[in-house]
Every structure is written in structure tokens, then in C-alpha cells.
Protein backbone atom coordinates (compact mmCIF):
# COMPACT_ATOMS: atom_id res chain seq x y z
CA MET A 1 -31.31 -0.06 -4.05
CA ASP A 2 -33.18 -3.16 -5.86
CA LEU A 3 -29.93 -4.45 -7.87
CA ARG A 4 -31.78 -7.79 -9.07
CA SER A 5 -34.41 -5.36 -10.56
CA ILE A 6 -31.66 -3.48 -12.32
CA GLN A 7 -29.99 -6.31 -13.64
CA ARG A 8 -32.89 -8.71 -14.36
CA PRO A 9 -33.56 -7.35 -17.91
CA LEU A 10 -30.10 -7.76 -18.60
CA LYS A 11 -29.58 -11.16 -17.59
CA GLU A 12 -32.67 -12.19 -19.65
CA ARG A 13 -31.43 -10.25 -22.62
CA TYR A 14 -28.16 -12.10 -22.37
CA ARG A 15 -29.62 -15.60 -21.82
CA SER A 16 -32.03 -14.89 -24.78
CA ASP A 17 -29.10 -13.21 -27.06
CA PRO A 18 -25.72 -14.29 -25.81
CA GLU A 19 -23.93 -12.04 -28.35
CA ALA A 20 -25.51 -9.23 -26.67
CA ALA A 21 -23.48 -10.22 -23.58
CA ARG A 22 -20.19 -9.68 -25.57
CA ILE A 23 -18.38 -6.28 -25.60
CA THR A 24 -15.11 -4.67 -26.15
CA LEU A 25 -13.62 -2.30 -24.09
CA ARG A 26 -10.80 0.06 -25.35
CA ALA A 27 -7.97 2.32 -23.79
CA THR A 28 -5.52 4.34 -26.00
CA GLY A 29 -2.65 5.67 -25.02
CA SER A 30 -1.40 8.80 -26.45
CA GLN A 31 1.99 10.57 -26.62
CA VAL A 32 2.52 13.93 -25.06
CA ASP A 33 5.44 16.38 -24.82
CA THR A 34 7.58 14.24 -22.96
CA PRO A 35 8.91 10.20 -23.06
CA LEU A 36 7.93 10.04 -19.67
CA SER A 37 4.16 10.57 -19.61
CA CYS A 38 1.17 9.82 -21.72
CA SER A 39 -2.42 10.41 -21.93
CA VAL A 40 -4.96 7.51 -21.72
CA ASP A 41 -8.52 7.57 -23.18
CA ILE A 42 -10.85 4.75 -21.73
CA GLY A 43 -13.85 6.59 -23.98
CA ARG A 44 -15.27 7.99 -21.00
CA ALA A 45 -12.36 9.94 -19.29
CA ILE A 46 -9.03 10.89 -20.18
CA TYR A 47 -6.10 10.05 -17.62
CA GLN A 48 -2.76 11.38 -17.25
CA ALA A 49 0.06 8.79 -16.54
CA GLU A 50 3.62 8.85 -16.24
CA ALA A 51 6.53 6.46 -15.80
CA HIS A 52 6.92 6.11 -12.08
CA ALA A 53 9.50 8.20 -10.12
CA GLY A 54 11.52 5.05 -9.68
CA VAL A 55 12.22 5.11 -13.50
CA GLY A 56 12.39 8.82 -14.01
CA GLY A 57 9.05 10.18 -13.78
CA SER A 58 8.19 13.11 -11.44
CA GLY A 59 5.85 11.13 -9.29
CA THR A 60 2.89 13.72 -9.78
CA ALA A 61 0.61 11.36 -11.95
CA ALA A 62 -0.22 7.62 -11.80
CA CYS A 63 2.26 5.13 -13.31
CA SER A 64 0.76 2.27 -15.22
CA GLY A 65 1.34 -0.01 -12.10
CA ASP A 66 -0.71 2.19 -10.33
CA LEU A 67 -3.30 2.19 -12.62
CA LEU A 68 -3.36 -1.63 -12.75
CA LEU A 69 -3.69 -2.10 -9.19
CA GLY A 70 -6.37 0.90 -9.23
CA ALA A 71 -8.43 -1.35 -11.80
CA LEU A 72 -8.25 -4.30 -9.24
CA ALA A 73 -9.17 -2.36 -6.39
CA ALA A 74 -12.26 -0.75 -8.10
CA CYS A 75 -13.33 -4.03 -9.61
CA ALA A 76 -12.66 -5.73 -6.32
CA GLN A 77 -14.71 -2.88 -4.56
CA LEU A 78 -17.82 -2.70 -6.78
CA THR A 79 -18.10 -6.65 -7.21
CA CYS A 80 -18.19 -7.20 -3.43
CA GLN A 81 -20.46 -4.21 -3.06
CA MET A 82 -22.96 -5.83 -5.68
CA VAL A 83 -22.47 -9.23 -4.45
CA ALA A 84 -23.52 -8.18 -0.88
CA THR A 85 -26.48 -6.13 -2.06
CA ALA A 86 -27.49 -9.22 -4.28
CA MET A 87 -27.39 -11.81 -1.69
CA GLY A 88 -29.16 -9.23 1.15
CA ILE A 89 -26.07 -9.25 3.21
CA PRO A 90 -26.18 -6.41 5.52
CA PHE A 91 -22.97 -4.43 5.49
CA GLU A 92 -21.83 -1.16 6.71
CA ARG A 93 -18.66 -0.50 5.23
CA ILE A 94 -16.54 -2.28 2.57
CA GLU A 95 -13.45 -1.33 1.54
CA VAL A 96 -10.71 -2.76 -0.83
CA THR A 97 -6.74 -2.15 -0.53
CA VAL A 98 -4.54 -3.68 -3.32
CA GLU A 99 -0.68 -3.55 -3.01
CA GLY A 100 1.62 -4.84 -5.61
CA ASP A 101 5.59 -5.42 -5.24
CA LEU A 102 7.80 -4.62 -8.06
CA ASP A 103 11.81 -4.95 -8.55
CA LEU A 104 12.73 -1.86 -10.71
CA ARG A 105 15.90 -3.44 -11.60
CA GLY A 106 13.65 -5.48 -13.92
CA THR A 107 12.20 -2.69 -15.52
CA LEU A 108 15.35 -0.75 -15.91
CA GLY A 109 16.89 -3.99 -17.45
CA ILE A 110 19.84 -3.59 -14.94
CA ALA A 111 19.42 -7.18 -13.53
CA GLN A 112 18.41 -9.99 -16.05
CA ASP A 113 17.49 -12.37 -13.25
CA VAL A 114 14.70 -9.82 -11.89
CA PRO A 115 11.38 -10.10 -14.01
CA VAL A 116 9.53 -7.38 -15.47
CA GLY A 117 6.49 -7.14 -13.50
CA PHE A 118 4.78 -7.42 -10.20
CA GLN A 119 6.22 -10.26 -8.21
CA ALA A 120 3.19 -10.15 -5.72
CA ILE A 121 -0.06 -8.38 -5.57
CA ARG A 122 -2.15 -8.63 -2.39
CA VAL A 123 -5.92 -7.61 -2.06
CA ARG A 124 -7.32 -6.63 1.26
CA PHE A 125 -10.96 -6.72 1.75
CA ASP A 126 -12.00 -5.09 5.08
CA VAL A 127 -15.67 -5.68 5.40
CA GLU A 128 -17.67 -4.40 8.48
CA ALA A 129 -20.63 -6.43 8.58
CA PRO A 130 -21.55 -7.11 12.01
CA GLN A 131 -25.10 -8.64 11.29
CA ALA A 132 -23.67 -10.98 8.75
CA THR A 133 -23.19 -14.90 9.74
CA PRO A 134 -19.82 -16.51 8.77
CA GLU A 135 -21.44 -18.44 6.38
CA GLN A 136 -22.90 -15.14 4.75
CA LEU A 137 -19.17 -13.66 4.56
CA GLU A 138 -17.71 -16.96 3.41
CA ALA A 139 -20.23 -17.00 0.65
CA LEU A 140 -19.66 -13.17 0.09
CA ARG A 141 -15.80 -13.91 -0.28
CA GLU A 142 -16.16 -16.86 -2.87
CA LYS A 143 -18.51 -15.10 -4.99
CA THR A 144 -16.74 -11.88 -4.79
CA GLU A 145 -13.44 -13.65 -5.88
CA GLN A 146 -15.40 -15.64 -8.79
CA TYR A 147 -17.06 -12.84 -10.34
CA CYS A 148 -14.24 -9.81 -10.13
CA VAL A 149 -13.43 -9.66 -13.84
CA VAL A 150 -10.12 -7.92 -13.12
CA MET A 151 -8.95 -10.53 -10.29
CA GLN A 152 -9.90 -13.32 -12.59
CA THR A 153 -8.00 -11.97 -15.62
CA LEU A 154 -4.95 -11.90 -13.52
CA LEU A 155 -5.56 -15.42 -12.12
CA ASN A 156 -6.04 -16.81 -15.56
CA PRO A 157 -4.66 -14.24 -17.96
CA PRO A 158 -5.82 -14.49 -21.64
CA PRO A 159 -3.66 -14.49 -24.97
CA VAL A 160 -2.19 -11.00 -25.26
CA GLU A 161 -1.61 -10.06 -28.88
CA THR A 162 0.38 -7.40 -30.24
CA ARG A 163 0.61 -5.53 -33.54
CA TRP A 164 2.90 -2.81 -34.59
CA SER A 165 1.97 -0.53 -37.62
């Protein structure tokens, strides 16, 4: 696949018309029959989500933490593959694993000194590229981390605005 050819007209358009590069993604959560689950519509697919088993869910669907870590894994995976391809780095396999640590006492409000949310997130890249040089692999790491949208959003969080109606 010639990734540069695919992206060239996009880059040219965005250079000549920066407003064309601005997009808004949307996800909508909707109530279902129990307070422990919901549907999430991302516009191209609808996913079922539920509370983690550790806070009362059944454990049969992804929880919001799974979805967050999954978004990071997908973004890191795709970014790494695209960067390697664009840089001409020969690889046999790339696999990204993301883990996150939570203390559910914070989520359940039973320990005021425990924060709500992930206390740590680890992203592991397993890259099989026996023909790549150490310099190529270092450049791959730098560019992947630089251009991974979800990783950069977590590292440099934007303001989050809430509205109630």
C-alpha cells in the first residue's frame, strides 16, 4: 500500500484550506433497560457498554474503562502501522497492548482519599522488525507517540465542558 499517495491529496487540501482539516467526532450514550448498561453510538457503529463487574455490572460487555483503553490501543496500533509504512520501515508484526490500573473504592465513593479514574496506564508496543535499524525503530517510537491522537489527548488533556439540560 502506498500510504503517501493516499494521504498526499489530503495533506495538500489541508495545507491550502486549514478549515477543511477541522472535524468533530461524536459519541452518544443512550439509556437501555437497566442503570448498569447503555448503548454508545459513534455514528458508524453502536456498541453496548455496561458498568464494570467491580461496581455491579455483569461483566458481559465492555465498561467505559475498556473503551478508553481500547481507543488508546487502536490509535497507537494504527498510528504505529501508518508511521512505519510512511517511513518505509520494514516490519513483520506490530501489536499494542494497553493496561490501566483503577482503585474502585474511588468510583464507589467509599474512600475519599482514592481518586476516581485510572491511576496508571501502560502502553506496550511489540514490534517485530528484524530488518529495521535501531535508528529507524527510535524514529518510529518518537513519531508514533507524537502523532497518536488518543495518547496525546491523555498526556495533554483539553478542557472538558459539560452542559446539562
